[in-house]
Each structure stands twice: as structure tokens, then as C-alpha cells.
């Protein structure tokens, strides 16, 4: 699908790694927090040349410095 690695816990995917970038799955609850701090969603070009955006946002230095308060 996207040529990366999935990270799972208890059978559920919560993060992916693509091209050495870590992306956490986000929801409507925390999506704005990621976006407001410069994070971008993961996207890729499908076989039909359509751009696909999934609900994972890249982890940025802001989030890493505040890891205890980030909502995953």
C-alpha cells in the first residue's frame, strides 16, 4: 500500500514509518494539535495516480519535546 512499516499494539496499528519519518495515527480530537504545531499528514500516490491522505501525522520536534502531553 504505502511501502513503509506499521507499528502495532494489541493488533491495532497506531503508527507507521515511511522514508525514515515516524507518523502517528491521529483523530479528530488531536488532529488540530498536530497541524497547529507544523505536522503534516502522510500521503502517497496510488496506482491510479490519485493522491491518498491517511489519518497519520508526522511526529515533529515539538511533540517529541512534549511527549508526556501529546494525545495519541
C-alpha atoms as a PDB file:
ATOM      1  CA  UNK A   1       0.000   0.000   0.000  1.00  0.00           C
ATOM      2  CA  UNK A   2       2.492   2.696   1.085  1.00  0.00           C
ATOM      3  CA  UNK A   3       5.880   0.955   1.199  1.00  0.00           C
ATOM      4  CA  UNK A   4       6.584   1.525   4.880  1.00  0.00           C
ATOM      5  CA  UNK A   5       6.331  -0.228   8.217  1.00  0.00           C
ATOM      6  CA  UNK A   6       3.337  -0.451  10.530  1.00  0.00           C
ATOM      7  CA  UNK A   7       3.688  -0.282  14.314  1.00  0.00           C
ATOM      8  CA  UNK A   8       1.069  -2.262  16.219  1.00  0.00           C
ATOM      9  CA  UNK A   9      -0.088  -2.771  19.788  1.00  0.00           C
ATOM     10  CA  UNK A  10      -2.664  -5.420  20.644  1.00  0.00           C
ATOM     11  CA  UNK A  11      -3.356  -5.979  16.951  1.00  0.00           C
ATOM     12  CA  UNK A  12      -4.103  -2.317  16.170  1.00  0.00           C
ATOM     13  CA  UNK A  13      -1.869  -0.091  14.068  1.00  0.00           C
ATOM     14  CA  UNK A  14      -1.047   3.197  15.781  1.00  0.00           C
ATOM     15  CA  UNK A  15       1.939   4.449  13.776  1.00  0.00           C
ATOM     16  CA  UNK A  16       3.828   3.997  10.525  1.00  0.00           C
ATOM     17  CA  UNK A  17       7.380   4.653   9.413  1.00  0.00           C
ATOM     18  CA  UNK A  18       7.924   5.728   5.805  1.00  0.00           C
ATOM     19  CA  UNK A  19      11.205   7.077   4.411  1.00  0.00           C
ATOM     20  CA  UNK A  20      12.647   7.329   7.954  1.00  0.00           C
ATOM     21  CA  UNK A  21       9.742   9.517   9.142  1.00  0.00           C
ATOM     22  CA  UNK A  22       7.503   8.455  12.041  1.00  0.00           C
ATOM     23  CA  UNK A  23       3.778   9.159  11.679  1.00  0.00           C
ATOM     24  CA  UNK A  24       1.251   8.586  14.497  1.00  0.00           C
ATOM     25  CA  UNK A  25      -2.378   7.856  13.831  1.00  0.00           C
ATOM     26  CA  UNK A  26      -4.457  10.919  14.682  1.00  0.00           C
ATOM     27  CA  UNK A  27      -8.151  11.514  15.255  1.00  0.00           C
ATOM     28  CA  UNK A  28     -10.487  14.475  15.139  1.00  0.00           C
ATOM     29  CA  UNK A  29      -9.596  15.060  18.811  1.00  0.00           C
ATOM     30  CA  UNK A  30      -5.853  15.640  18.347  1.00  0.00           C
ATOM     31  CA  UNK A  31      -5.523  16.332  14.598  1.00  0.00           C
ATOM     32  CA  UNK A  32      -5.623  20.116  15.134  1.00  0.00           C
ATOM     33  CA  UNK A  33      -2.844  19.938  17.744  1.00  0.00           C
ATOM     34  CA  UNK A  34      -0.540  18.234  15.262  1.00  0.00           C
ATOM     35  CA  UNK A  35      -1.443  20.624  12.429  1.00  0.00           C
ATOM     36  CA  UNK A  36      -1.046  23.766  14.582  1.00  0.00           C
ATOM     37  CA  UNK A  37       2.471  22.659  15.503  1.00  0.00           C
ATOM     38  CA  UNK A  38       3.663  22.096  11.936  1.00  0.00           C
ATOM     39  CA  UNK A  39       2.906  18.425  11.448  1.00  0.00           C
ATOM     40  CA  UNK A  40       1.785  17.242   8.028  1.00  0.00           C
ATOM     41  CA  UNK A  41      -0.401  14.231   7.229  1.00  0.00           C
ATOM     42  CA  UNK A  42       1.047  11.224   5.457  1.00  0.00           C
ATOM     43  CA  UNK A  43       0.050  10.962   1.806  1.00  0.00           C
ATOM     44  CA  UNK A  44       1.065   8.845  -1.147  1.00  0.00           C
ATOM     45  CA  UNK A  45       0.217   8.477  -4.813  1.00  0.00           C
ATOM     46  CA  UNK A  46      -1.968   5.450  -5.536  1.00  0.00           C
ATOM     47  CA  UNK A  47      -1.616   3.321  -8.653  1.00  0.00           C
ATOM     48  CA  UNK A  48      -4.383   5.321 -10.306  1.00  0.00           C
ATOM     49  CA  UNK A  49      -2.266   8.479  -9.750  1.00  0.00           C
ATOM     50  CA  UNK A  50      -4.726   9.752  -7.146  1.00  0.00           C
ATOM     51  CA  UNK A  51      -3.176  11.362  -4.038  1.00  0.00           C
ATOM     52  CA  UNK A  52      -4.267   9.468  -0.902  1.00  0.00           C
ATOM     53  CA  UNK A  53      -4.097  11.138   2.526  1.00  0.00           C
ATOM     54  CA  UNK A  54      -4.424   8.929   5.586  1.00  0.00           C
ATOM     55  CA  UNK A  55      -5.070   9.789   9.217  1.00  0.00           C
ATOM     56  CA  UNK A  56      -1.448   9.723  10.312  1.00  0.00           C
ATOM     57  CA  UNK A  57       0.586  12.850  11.032  1.00  0.00           C
ATOM     58  CA  UNK A  58       4.331  13.138  11.228  1.00  0.00           C
ATOM     59  CA  UNK A  59       5.951  13.473  14.614  1.00  0.00           C
ATOM     60  CA  UNK A  60       7.774  16.767  14.910  1.00  0.00           C
ATOM     61  CA  UNK A  61      10.288  18.032  17.425  1.00  0.00           C
ATOM     62  CA  UNK A  62       7.563  19.927  19.309  1.00  0.00           C
ATOM     63  CA  UNK A  63       5.706  16.717  20.015  1.00  0.00           C
ATOM     64  CA  UNK A  64       8.848  14.829  20.965  1.00  0.00           C
ATOM     65  CA  UNK A  65       9.741  17.510  23.490  1.00  0.00           C
ATOM     66  CA  UNK A  66       6.246  17.285  24.997  1.00  0.00           C
ATOM     67  CA  UNK A  67       5.745  13.528  24.641  1.00  0.00           C
ATOM     68  CA  UNK A  68       4.001  13.190  28.004  1.00  0.00           C
ATOM     69  CA  UNK A  69       1.256  15.642  26.991  1.00  0.00           C
ATOM     70  CA  UNK A  70       0.710  14.600  23.370  1.00  0.00           C
ATOM     71  CA  UNK A  71      -2.502  12.673  22.760  1.00  0.00           C
ATOM     72  CA  UNK A  72      -2.028   9.649  20.556  1.00  0.00           C
END
